[in-house]
Amino acid sequence: MKRLLRDYHALVERQYDGDYDAVILLVDLATAIEKAGLTERQREALTLVYFEDLSQVEAGKAMGVRQDTVSKLVKSALAKIASVYEAWARMGEGYAITTEGER
């Protein structure tokens, strides 16, 4: 999940170069975030750190909280988003759940 979010800006660029796979990944990510049931604070922390490229310290200052709070918010948001992808995989919607050794 972190890797997908770290690559967010590259995916945005690739979609404008006609990369349809990037478009699909971005749409799926947006849908997963929407379905994840994030709190406003989780969504804000995720947005600042991954979409606006702020460090957790900078995001904490913007949110009026400490870095460790931002870290906890991001971690819980990532877990919720990952659970959406896992649910999709269990329903056979194009994603597969693999173990570390299968990759």
PDB file of N, CA and C in Angstrom:
ATOM      1  N   MET A   1       0.816  -1.181   0.000  1.00  0.00           N
ATOM      2  CA  MET A   1       0.000   0.000   0.000  1.00  0.00           C
ATOM      3  C   MET A   1       0.873   1.264   0.000  1.00  0.00           C
ATOM      4  N   LYS A   2       1.909   1.239   0.834  1.00  0.00           N
ATOM      5  CA  LYS A   2       2.798   2.403   0.884  1.00  0.00           C
ATOM      6  C   LYS A   2       3.460   2.651  -0.468  1.00  0.00           C
ATOM      7  N   ARG A   3       3.867   1.566  -1.124  1.00  0.00           N
ATOM      8  CA  ARG A   3       4.544   1.713  -2.416  1.00  0.00           C
ATOM      9  C   ARG A   3       3.612   2.366  -3.437  1.00  0.00           C
ATOM     10  N   LEU A   4       2.364   1.943  -3.454  1.00  0.00           N
ATOM     11  CA  LEU A   4       1.389   2.522  -4.375  1.00  0.00           C
ATOM     12  C   LEU A   4       1.215   4.010  -4.092  1.00  0.00           C
ATOM     13  N   LEU A   5       1.105   4.370  -2.841  1.00  0.00           N
ATOM     14  CA  LEU A   5       0.943   5.783  -2.498  1.00  0.00           C
ATOM     15  C   LEU A   5       2.219   6.583  -2.757  1.00  0.00           C
ATOM     16  N   ARG A   6       3.383   5.970  -2.526  1.00  0.00           N
ATOM     17  CA  ARG A   6       4.639   6.676  -2.832  1.00  0.00           C
ATOM     18  C   ARG A   6       4.769   6.943  -4.323  1.00  0.00           C
ATOM     19  N   ASP A   7       4.195   6.053  -5.137  1.00  0.00           N
ATOM     20  CA  ASP A   7       4.265   6.211  -6.593  1.00  0.00           C
ATOM     21  C   ASP A   7       3.118   7.051  -7.154  1.00  0.00           C
ATOM     22  N   TYR A   8       2.307   7.625  -6.300  1.00  0.00           N
ATOM     23  CA  TYR A   8       1.117   8.353  -6.727  1.00  0.00           C
ATOM     24  C   TYR A   8       1.422   9.402  -7.801  1.00  0.00           C
ATOM     25  N   HIS A   9       2.400  10.252  -7.558  1.00  0.00           N
ATOM     26  CA  HIS A   9       2.697  11.333  -8.504  1.00  0.00           C
ATOM     27  C   HIS A   9       3.212  10.792  -9.841  1.00  0.00           C
ATOM     28  N   ALA A  10       3.995   9.729  -9.789  1.00  0.00           N
ATOM     29  CA  ALA A  10       4.466   9.104 -11.033  1.00  0.00           C
ATOM     30  C   ALA A  10       3.290   8.521 -11.809  1.00  0.00           C
ATOM     31  N   LEU A  11       2.338   7.931 -11.105  1.00  0.00           N
ATOM     32  CA  LEU A  11       1.153   7.383 -11.772  1.00  0.00           C
ATOM     33  C   LEU A  11       0.323   8.482 -12.417  1.00  0.00           C
ATOM     34  N   VAL A  12       0.209   9.605 -11.730  1.00  0.00           N
ATOM     35  CA  VAL A  12      -0.529  10.743 -12.296  1.00  0.00           C
ATOM     36  C   VAL A  12       0.131  11.192 -13.592  1.00  0.00           C
ATOM     37  N   GLU A  13       1.449  11.287 -13.588  1.00  0.00           N
ATOM     38  CA  GLU A  13       2.172  11.673 -14.802  1.00  0.00           C
ATOM     39  C   GLU A  13       1.977  10.652 -15.922  1.00  0.00           C
ATOM     40  N   ARG A  14       2.058   9.373 -15.571  1.00  0.00           N
ATOM     41  CA  ARG A  14       1.940   8.320 -16.575  1.00  0.00           C
ATOM     42  C   ARG A  14       0.553   8.277 -17.212  1.00  0.00           C
ATOM     43  N   GLN A  15      -0.475   8.659 -16.452  1.00  0.00           N
ATOM     44  CA  GLN A  15      -1.812   8.627 -17.039  1.00  0.00           C
ATOM     45  C   GLN A  15      -1.935   9.633 -18.178  1.00  0.00           C
ATOM     46  N   TYR A  16      -1.213  10.737 -18.066  1.00  0.00           N
ATOM     47  CA  TYR A  16      -1.260  11.752 -19.129  1.00  0.00           C
ATOM     48  C   TYR A  16      -0.423  11.363 -20.337  1.00  0.00           C
ATOM     49  N   ASP A  17       0.390  10.328 -20.179  1.00  0.00           N
ATOM     50  CA  ASP A  17       1.167   9.793 -21.298  1.00  0.00           C
ATOM     51  C   ASP A  17       0.444   8.621 -21.954  1.00  0.00           C
ATOM     52  N   GLY A  18      -0.810   8.410 -21.571  1.00  0.00           N
ATOM     53  CA  GLY A  18      -1.608   7.349 -22.173  1.00  0.00           C
ATOM     54  C   GLY A  18      -1.465   5.990 -21.526  1.00  0.00           C
ATOM     55  N   ASP A  19      -0.933   5.935 -20.325  1.00  0.00           N
ATOM     56  CA  ASP A  19      -0.772   4.668 -19.623  1.00  0.00           C
ATOM     57  C   ASP A  19      -2.088   4.309 -18.934  1.00  0.00           C
ATOM     58  N   TYR A  20      -2.856   3.431 -19.575  1.00  0.00           N
ATOM     59  CA  TYR A  20      -4.166   3.069 -19.051  1.00  0.00           C
ATOM     60  C   TYR A  20      -4.078   2.283 -17.747  1.00  0.00           C
ATOM     61  N   ASP A  21      -3.006   1.538 -17.561  1.00  0.00           N
ATOM     62  CA  ASP A  21      -2.830   0.829 -16.299  1.00  0.00           C
ATOM     63  C   ASP A  21      -2.689   1.809 -15.140  1.00  0.00           C
ATOM     64  N   ALA A  22      -2.000   2.927 -15.375  1.00  0.00           N
ATOM     65  CA  ALA A  22      -1.875   3.949 -14.341  1.00  0.00           C
ATOM     66  C   ALA A  22      -3.244   4.526 -14.007  1.00  0.00           C
ATOM     67  N   VAL A  23      -4.064   4.737 -15.019  1.00  0.00           N
ATOM     68  CA  VAL A  23      -5.421   5.263 -14.798  1.00  0.00           C
ATOM     69  C   VAL A  23      -6.209   4.296 -13.927  1.00  0.00           C
ATOM     70  N   ILE A  24      -6.142   3.014 -14.251  1.00  0.00           N
ATOM     71  CA  ILE A  24      -6.873   2.006 -13.491  1.00  0.00           C
ATOM     72  C   ILE A  24      -6.396   1.976 -12.037  1.00  0.00           C
ATOM     73  N   LEU A  25      -5.077   2.018 -11.843  1.00  0.00           N
ATOM     74  CA  LEU A  25      -4.539   2.028 -10.483  1.00  0.00           C
ATOM     75  C   LEU A  25      -5.021   3.237  -9.698  1.00  0.00           C
ATOM     76  N   LEU A  26      -5.035   4.405 -10.331  1.00  0.00           N
ATOM     77  CA  LEU A  26      -5.471   5.625  -9.656  1.00  0.00           C
ATOM     78  C   LEU A  26      -6.965   5.592  -9.320  1.00  0.00           C
ATOM     79  N   VAL A  27      -7.767   5.079 -10.239  1.00  0.00           N
ATOM     80  CA  VAL A  27      -9.213   4.968  -9.979  1.00  0.00           C
ATOM     81  C   VAL A  27      -9.464   3.977  -8.849  1.00  0.00           C
ATOM     82  N   ASP A  28      -8.776   2.842  -8.895  1.00  0.00           N
ATOM     83  CA  ASP A  28      -8.929   1.854  -7.826  1.00  0.00           C
ATOM     84  C   ASP A  28      -8.488   2.419  -6.480  1.00  0.00           C
ATOM     85  N   LEU A  29      -7.388   3.157  -6.471  1.00  0.00           N
ATOM     86  CA  LEU A  29      -6.905   3.752  -5.228  1.00  0.00           C
ATOM     87  C   LEU A  29      -7.924   4.742  -4.674  1.00  0.00           C
ATOM     88  N   ALA A  30      -8.446   5.608  -5.530  1.00  0.00           N
ATOM     89  CA  ALA A  30      -9.448   6.584  -5.082  1.00  0.00           C
ATOM     90  C   ALA A  30     -10.688   5.876  -4.537  1.00  0.00           C
ATOM     91  N   THR A  31     -11.106   4.818  -5.211  1.00  0.00           N
ATOM     92  CA  THR A  31     -12.266   4.061  -4.766  1.00  0.00           C
ATOM     93  C   THR A  31     -11.997   3.382  -3.428  1.00  0.00           C
ATOM     94  N   ALA A  32     -10.818   2.789  -3.281  1.00  0.00           N
ATOM     95  CA  ALA A  32     -10.456   2.127  -2.024  1.00  0.00           C
ATOM     96  C   ALA A  32     -10.413   3.125  -0.874  1.00  0.00           C
ATOM     97  N   ILE A  33      -9.865   4.301  -1.124  1.00  0.00           N
ATOM     98  CA  ILE A  33      -9.819   5.327  -0.076  1.00  0.00           C
ATOM     99  C   ILE A  33     -11.231   5.740   0.312  1.00  0.00           C
ATOM    100  N   GLU A  34     -12.093   5.899  -0.669  1.00  0.00           N
ATOM    101  CA  GLU A  34     -13.477   6.284  -0.396  1.00  0.00           C
ATOM    102  C   GLU A  34     -14.204   5.218   0.412  1.00  0.00           C
ATOM    103  N   LYS A  35     -13.983   3.953   0.079  1.00  0.00           N
ATOM    104  CA  LYS A  35     -14.677   2.845   0.736  1.00  0.00           C
ATOM    105  C   LYS A  35     -14.064   2.466   2.086  1.00  0.00           C
ATOM    106  N   ALA A  36     -12.891   2.996   2.397  1.00  0.00           N
ATOM    107  CA  ALA A  36     -12.161   2.578   3.598  1.00  0.00           C
ATOM    108  C   ALA A  36     -12.754   3.111   4.894  1.00  0.00           C
ATOM    109  N   GLY A  37     -13.615   4.093   4.814  1.00  0.00           N
ATOM    110  CA  GLY A  37     -14.211   4.648   6.029  1.00  0.00           C
ATOM    111  C   GLY A  37     -13.222   5.399   6.893  1.00  0.00           C
ATOM    112  N   LEU A  38     -12.358   6.158   6.252  1.00  0.00           N
ATOM    113  CA  LEU A  38     -11.357   6.934   6.992  1.00  0.00           C
ATOM    114  C   LEU A  38     -12.019   8.059   7.775  1.00  0.00           C
ATOM    115  N   THR A  39     -11.431   8.370   8.921  1.00  0.00           N
ATOM    116  CA  THR A  39     -11.870   9.561   9.652  1.00  0.00           C
ATOM    117  C   THR A  39     -11.331  10.793   8.921  1.00  0.00           C
ATOM    118  N   GLU A  40     -11.850  11.941   9.249  1.00  0.00           N
ATOM    119  CA  GLU A  40     -11.357  13.178   8.631  1.00  0.00           C
ATOM    120  C   GLU A  40      -9.870  13.376   8.916  1.00  0.00           C
ATOM    121  N   ARG A  41      -9.448  13.071  10.133  1.00  0.00           N
ATOM    122  CA  ARG A  41      -8.034  13.236  10.495  1.00  0.00           C
ATOM    123  C   ARG A  41      -7.153  12.247   9.738  1.00  0.00           C
ATOM    124  N   GLN A  42      -7.607  11.009   9.580  1.00  0.00           N
ATOM    125  CA  GLN A  42      -6.843  10.032   8.804  1.00  0.00           C
ATOM    126  C   GLN A  42      -6.719  10.488   7.357  1.00  0.00           C
ATOM    127  N   ARG A  43      -7.812  10.949   6.795  1.00  0.00           N
ATOM    128  CA  ARG A  43      -7.811  11.416   5.408  1.00  0.00           C
ATOM    129  C   ARG A  43      -6.884  12.622   5.252  1.00  0.00           C
ATOM    130  N   GLU A  44      -6.929  13.534   6.211  1.00  0.00           N
ATOM    131  CA  GLU A  44      -6.077  14.721   6.160  1.00  0.00           C
ATOM    132  C   GLU A  44      -4.596  14.332   6.236  1.00  0.00           C
ATOM    133  N   ALA A  45      -4.255  13.454   7.165  1.00  0.00           N
ATOM    134  CA  ALA A  45      -2.859  13.020   7.310  1.00  0.00           C
ATOM    135  C   ALA A  45      -2.381  12.312   6.039  1.00  0.00           C
ATOM    136  N   LEU A  46      -3.200  11.430   5.505  1.00  0.00           N
ATOM    137  CA  LEU A  46      -2.858  10.712   4.279  1.00  0.00           C
ATOM    138  C   LEU A  46      -2.638  11.681   3.121  1.00  0.00           C
ATOM    139  N   THR A  47      -3.525  12.640   2.991  1.00  0.00           N
ATOM    140  CA  THR A  47      -3.426  13.634   1.917  1.00  0.00           C
ATOM    141  C   THR A  47      -2.152  14.454   2.032  1.00  0.00           C
ATOM    142  N   LEU A  48      -1.871  14.947   3.228  1.00  0.00           N
ATOM    143  CA  LEU A  48      -0.688  15.778   3.418  1.00  0.00           C
ATOM    144  C   LEU A  48       0.604  15.001   3.152  1.00  0.00           C
ATOM    145  N   VAL A  49       0.671  13.770   3.648  1.00  0.00           N
ATOM    146  CA  VAL A  49       1.905  13.001   3.545  1.00  0.00           C
ATOM    147  C   VAL A  49       2.116  12.435   2.138  1.00  0.00           C
ATOM    148  N   TYR A  50       1.076  11.879   1.543  1.00  0.00           N
ATOM    149  CA  TYR A  50       1.270  11.194   0.264  1.00  0.00           C
ATOM    150  C   TYR A  50       0.897  12.018  -0.965  1.00  0.00           C
ATOM    151  N   PHE A  51      -0.111  12.848  -0.857  1.00  0.00           N
ATOM    152  CA  PHE A  51      -0.548  13.585  -2.046  1.00  0.00           C
ATOM    153  C   PHE A  51       0.070  14.981  -2.119  1.00  0.00           C
ATOM    154  N   GLU A  52       0.376  15.561  -0.962  1.00  0.00           N
ATOM    155  CA  GLU A  52       1.017  16.878  -0.947  1.00  0.00           C
ATOM    156  C   GLU A  52       2.494  16.796  -0.614  1.00  0.00           C
ATOM    157  N   ASP A  53       3.004  15.584  -0.420  1.00  0.00           N
ATOM    158  CA  ASP A  53       4.432  15.314  -0.206  1.00  0.00           C
ATOM    159  C   ASP A  53       5.052  16.041   0.984  1.00  0.00           C
ATOM    160  N   LEU A  54       4.300  16.209   2.049  1.00  0.00           N
ATOM    161  CA  LEU A  54       4.867  16.781   3.263  1.00  0.00           C
ATOM    162  C   LEU A  54       5.478  15.662   4.096  1.00  0.00           C
ATOM    163  N   SER A  55       6.494  15.984   4.858  1.00  0.00           N
ATOM    164  CA  SER A  55       7.010  15.015   5.811  1.00  0.00           C
ATOM    165  C   SER A  55       5.973  14.866   6.927  1.00  0.00           C
ATOM    166  N   GLN A  56       6.110  13.839   7.727  1.00  0.00           N
ATOM    167  CA  GLN A  56       5.175  13.681   8.839  1.00  0.00           C
ATOM    168  C   GLN A  56       5.303  14.828   9.837  1.00  0.00           C
ATOM    169  N   VAL A  57       6.489  15.339   9.999  1.00  0.00           N
ATOM    170  CA  VAL A  57       6.691  16.486  10.892  1.00  0.00           C
ATOM    171  C   VAL A  57       5.953  17.705  10.342  1.00  0.00           C
ATOM    172  N   GLU A  58       6.112  17.965   9.037  1.00  0.00           N
ATOM    173  CA  GLU A  58       5.433  19.103   8.404  1.00  0.00           C
ATOM    174  C   GLU A  58       3.917  18.923   8.446  1.00  0.00           C
ATOM    175  N   ALA A  59       3.459  17.694   8.201  1.00  0.00           N
ATOM    176  CA  ALA A  59       2.019  17.421   8.259  1.00  0.00           C
ATOM    177  C   ALA A  59       1.497  17.650   9.669  1.00  0.00           C
ATOM    178  N   GLY A  60       2.271  17.235  10.655  1.00  0.00           N
ATOM    179  CA  GLY A  60       1.882  17.450  12.045  1.00  0.00           C
ATOM    180  C   GLY A  60       1.734  18.923  12.369  1.00  0.00           C
ATOM    181  N   LYS A  61       2.666  19.730  11.892  1.00  0.00           N
ATOM    182  CA  LYS A  61       2.568  21.180  12.116  1.00  0.00           C
ATOM    183  C   LYS A  61       1.322  21.739  11.454  1.00  0.00           C
ATOM    184  N   ALA A  62       1.035  21.301  10.241  1.00  0.00           N
ATOM    185  CA  ALA A  62      -0.150  21.786   9.523  1.00  0.00           C
ATOM    186  C   ALA A  62      -1.441  21.362  10.225  1.00  0.00           C
ATOM    187  N   MET A  63      -1.413  20.191  10.851  1.00  0.00           N
ATOM    188  CA  MET A  63      -2.603  19.666  11.517  1.00  0.00           C
ATOM    189  C   MET A  63      -2.680  20.076  12.984  1.00  0.00           C
ATOM    190  N   GLY A  64      -1.591  20.625  13.506  1.00  0.00           N
ATOM    191  CA  GLY A  64      -1.561  21.008  14.909  1.00  0.00           C
ATOM    192  C   GLY A  64      -1.390  19.827  15.850  1.00  0.00           C
ATOM    193  N   VAL A  65      -0.678  18.789  15.366  1.00  0.00           N
ATOM    194  CA  VAL A  65      -0.416  17.600  16.183  1.00  0.00           C
ATOM    195  C   VAL A  65       1.050  17.223  16.061  1.00  0.00           C
ATOM    196  N   ARG A  66       1.476  16.285  16.880  1.00  0.00           N
ATOM    197  CA  ARG A  66       2.861  15.827  16.823  1.00  0.00           C
ATOM    198  C   ARG A  66       3.054  14.819  15.699  1.00  0.00           C
ATOM    199  N   GLN A  67       4.312  14.598  15.331  1.00  0.00           N
ATOM    200  CA  GLN A  67       4.653  13.657  14.255  1.00  0.00           C
ATOM    201  C   GLN A  67       4.172  12.258  14.572  1.00  0.00           C
ATOM    202  N   ASP A  68       4.274  11.829  15.825  1.00  0.00           N
ATOM    203  CA  ASP A  68       3.852  10.467  16.155  1.00  0.00           C
ATOM    204  C   ASP A  68       2.348  10.277  15.966  1.00  0.00           C
ATOM    205  N   THR A  69       1.582  11.334  16.151  1.00  0.00           N
ATOM    206  CA  THR A  69       0.141  11.269  15.899  1.00  0.00           C
ATOM    207  C   THR A  69      -0.121  11.111  14.406  1.00  0.00           C
ATOM    208  N   VAL A  70       0.616  11.861  13.592  1.00  0.00           N
ATOM    209  CA  VAL A  70       0.480  11.731  12.135  1.00  0.00           C
ATOM    210  C   VAL A  70       0.829  10.313  11.714  1.00  0.00           C
ATOM    211  N   SER A  71       1.901   9.764  12.267  1.00  0.00           N
ATOM    212  CA  SER A  71       2.316   8.407  11.953  1.00  0.00           C
ATOM    213  C   SER A  71       1.204   7.406  12.270  1.00  0.00           C
ATOM    214  N   LYS A  72       0.590   7.542  13.427  1.00  0.00           N
ATOM    215  CA  LYS A  72      -0.497   6.640  13.818  1.00  0.00           C
ATOM    216  C   LYS A  72      -1.707   6.809  12.901  1.00  0.00           C
ATOM    217  N   LEU A  73      -2.032   8.039  12.536  1.00  0.00           N
ATOM    218  CA  LEU A  73      -3.162   8.285  11.644  1.00  0.00           C
ATOM    219  C   LEU A  73      -2.921   7.666  10.266  1.00  0.00           C
ATOM    220  N   VAL A  74      -1.712   7.858   9.746  1.00  0.00           N
ATOM    221  CA  VAL A  74      -1.372   7.301   8.434  1.00  0.00           C
ATOM    222  C   VAL A  74      -1.386   5.779   8.492  1.00  0.00           C
ATOM    223  N   LYS A  75      -0.801   5.210   9.525  1.00  0.00           N
ATOM    224  CA  LYS A  75      -0.744   3.752   9.658  1.00  0.00           C
ATOM    225  C   LYS A  75      -2.151   3.156   9.713  1.00  0.00           C
ATOM    226  N   SER A  76      -3.031   3.750  10.480  1.00  0.00           N
ATOM    227  CA  SER A  76      -4.392   3.214  10.573  1.00  0.00           C
ATOM    228  C   SER A  76      -5.149   3.414   9.263  1.00  0.00           C
ATOM    229  N   ALA A  77      -4.897   4.530   8.569  1.00  0.00           N
ATOM    230  CA  ALA A  77      -5.529   4.754   7.268  1.00  0.00           C
ATOM    231  C   ALA A  77      -5.063   3.723   6.258  1.00  0.00           C
ATOM    232  N   LEU A  78      -3.769   3.438   6.235  1.00  0.00           N
ATOM    233  CA  LEU A  78      -3.224   2.436   5.307  1.00  0.00           C
ATOM    234  C   LEU A  78      -3.823   1.061   5.576  1.00  0.00           C
ATOM    235  N   ALA A  79      -4.002   0.723   6.841  1.00  0.00           N
ATOM    236  CA  ALA A  79      -4.589  -0.576   7.180  1.00  0.00           C
ATOM    237  C   ALA A  79      -6.032  -0.662   6.679  1.00  0.00           C
ATOM    238  N   LYS A  80      -6.784   0.415   6.829  1.00  0.00           N
ATOM    239  CA  LYS A  80      -8.165   0.417   6.351  1.00  0.00           C
ATOM    240  C   LYS A  80      -8.235   0.302   4.826  1.00  0.00           C
ATOM    241  N   ILE A  81      -7.357   1.001   4.143  1.00  0.00           N
ATOM    242  CA  ILE A  81      -7.333   0.947   2.674  1.00  0.00           C
ATOM    243  C   ILE A  81      -6.919  -0.453   2.216  1.00  0.00           C
ATOM    244  N   ALA A  82      -5.913  -1.014   2.869  1.00  0.00           N
ATOM    245  CA  ALA A  82      -5.464  -2.370   2.525  1.00  0.00           C
ATOM    246  C   ALA A  82      -6.592  -3.373   2.711  1.00  0.00           C
ATOM    247  N   SER A  83      -7.425  -3.178   3.723  1.00  0.00           N
ATOM    248  CA  SER A  83      -8.525  -4.121   3.948  1.00  0.00           C
ATOM    249  C   SER A  83      -9.540  -4.070   2.808  1.00  0.00           C
ATOM    250  N   VAL A  84      -9.691  -2.925   2.171  1.00  0.00           N
ATOM    251  CA  VAL A  84     -10.574  -2.822   1.004  1.00  0.00           C
ATOM    252  C   VAL A  84     -10.002  -3.648  -0.142  1.00  0.00           C
ATOM    253  N   TYR A  85      -8.703  -3.503  -0.404  1.00  0.00           N
ATOM    254  CA  TYR A  85      -8.063  -4.295  -1.456  1.00  0.00           C
ATOM    255  C   TYR A  85      -8.161  -5.791  -1.154  1.00  0.00           C
ATOM    256  N   GLU A  86      -7.991  -6.159   0.104  1.00  0.00           N
ATOM    257  CA  GLU A  86      -8.094  -7.573   0.483  1.00  0.00           C
ATOM    258  C   GLU A  86      -9.507  -8.095   0.251  1.00  0.00           C
ATOM    259  N   ALA A  87     -10.505  -7.286   0.562  1.00  0.00           N
ATOM    260  CA  ALA A  87     -11.899  -7.690   0.323  1.00  0.00           C
ATOM    261  C   ALA A  87     -12.138  -7.883  -1.172  1.00  0.00           C
ATOM    262  N   TRP A  88     -11.605  -6.987  -1.986  1.00  0.00           N
ATOM    263  CA  TRP A  88     -11.735  -7.128  -3.433  1.00  0.00           C
ATOM    264  C   TRP A  88     -11.087  -8.424  -3.901  1.00  0.00           C
ATOM    265  N   ALA A  89      -9.930  -8.744  -3.349  1.00  0.00           N
ATOM    266  CA  ALA A  89      -9.223  -9.969  -3.739  1.00  0.00           C
ATOM    267  C   ALA A  89     -10.046 -11.202  -3.372  1.00  0.00           C
ATOM    268  N   ARG A  90     -10.652 -11.194  -2.191  1.00  0.00           N
ATOM    269  CA  ARG A  90     -11.470 -12.333  -1.776  1.00  0.00           C
ATOM    270  C   ARG A  90     -12.686 -12.504  -2.668  1.00  0.00           C
ATOM    271  N   MET A  91     -13.171 -11.418  -3.246  1.00  0.00           N
ATOM    272  CA  MET A  91     -14.328 -11.483  -4.137  1.00  0.00           C
ATOM    273  C   MET A  91     -13.917 -11.742  -5.581  1.00  0.00           C
ATOM    274  N   GLY A  92     -12.597 -11.887  -5.812  1.00  0.00           N
ATOM    275  CA  GLY A  92     -12.103 -12.186  -7.155  1.00  0.00           C
ATOM    276  C   GLY A  92     -12.212 -11.020  -8.107  1.00  0.00           C
ATOM    277  N   GLU A  93     -12.061  -9.820  -7.600  1.00  0.00           N
ATOM    278  CA  GLU A  93     -12.206  -8.628  -8.433  1.00  0.00           C
ATOM    279  C   GLU A  93     -10.875  -8.114  -8.969  1.00  0.00           C
ATOM    280  N   GLY A  94     -10.043  -9.016  -9.447  1.00  0.00           N
ATOM    281  CA  GLY A  94      -8.839  -8.602 -10.147  1.00  0.00           C
ATOM    282  C   GLY A  94      -7.583  -8.496  -9.309  1.00  0.00           C
ATOM    283  N   TYR A  95      -7.701  -8.696  -8.008  1.00  0.00           N
ATOM    284  CA  TYR A  95      -6.531  -8.625  -7.156  1.00  0.00           C
ATOM    285  C   TYR A  95      -6.316  -9.985  -6.549  1.00  0.00           C
ATOM    286  N   ALA A  96      -5.061 -10.310  -6.299  1.00  0.00           N
ATOM    287  CA  ALA A  96      -4.761 -11.604  -5.697  1.00  0.00           C
ATOM    288  C   ALA A  96      -3.991 -11.388  -4.405  1.00  0.00           C
ATOM    289  N   ILE A  97      -4.326 -12.185  -3.429  1.00  0.00           N
ATOM    290  CA  ILE A  97      -3.604 -12.149  -2.174  1.00  0.00           C
ATOM    291  C   ILE A  97      -2.491 -13.181  -2.260  1.00  0.00           C
ATOM    292  N   THR A  98      -1.247 -12.717  -2.115  1.00  0.00           N
ATOM    293  CA  THR A  98      -0.095 -13.611  -2.174  1.00  0.00           C
ATOM    294  C   THR A  98       0.683 -13.504  -0.887  1.00  0.00           C
ATOM    295  N   THR A  99       1.401 -14.540  -0.581  1.00  0.00           N
ATOM    296  CA  THR A  99       2.295 -14.470   0.558  1.00  0.00           C
ATOM    297  C   THR A  99       3.618 -13.913   0.096  1.00  0.00           C
ATOM    298  N   GLU A 100       4.439 -13.529   1.020  1.00  0.00           N
ATOM    299  CA  GLU A 100       5.720 -12.895   0.682  1.00  0.00           C
ATOM    300  C   GLU A 100       6.560 -13.790  -0.214  1.00  0.00           C
ATOM    301  N   GLY A 101       6.536 -15.093  -0.023  1.00  0.00           N
ATOM    302  CA  GLY A 101       7.344 -16.002  -0.816  1.00  0.00           C
ATOM    303  C   GLY A 101       6.832 -16.196  -2.242  1.00  0.00           C
ATOM    304  N   GLU A 102       5.587 -15.847  -2.511  1.00  0.00           N
ATOM    305  CA  GLU A 102       4.993 -16.044  -3.834  1.00  0.00           C
ATOM    306  C   GLU A 102       5.272 -14.909  -4.799  1.00  0.00           C
ATOM    307  N   ARG A 103       5.827 -13.814  -4.329  1.00  0.00           N
ATOM    308  CA  ARG A 103       6.016 -12.637  -5.181  1.00  0.00           C
ATOM    309  C   ARG A 103       7.178 -12.764  -6.084  1.00  0.00           C
TER     310      ARG A 103
END
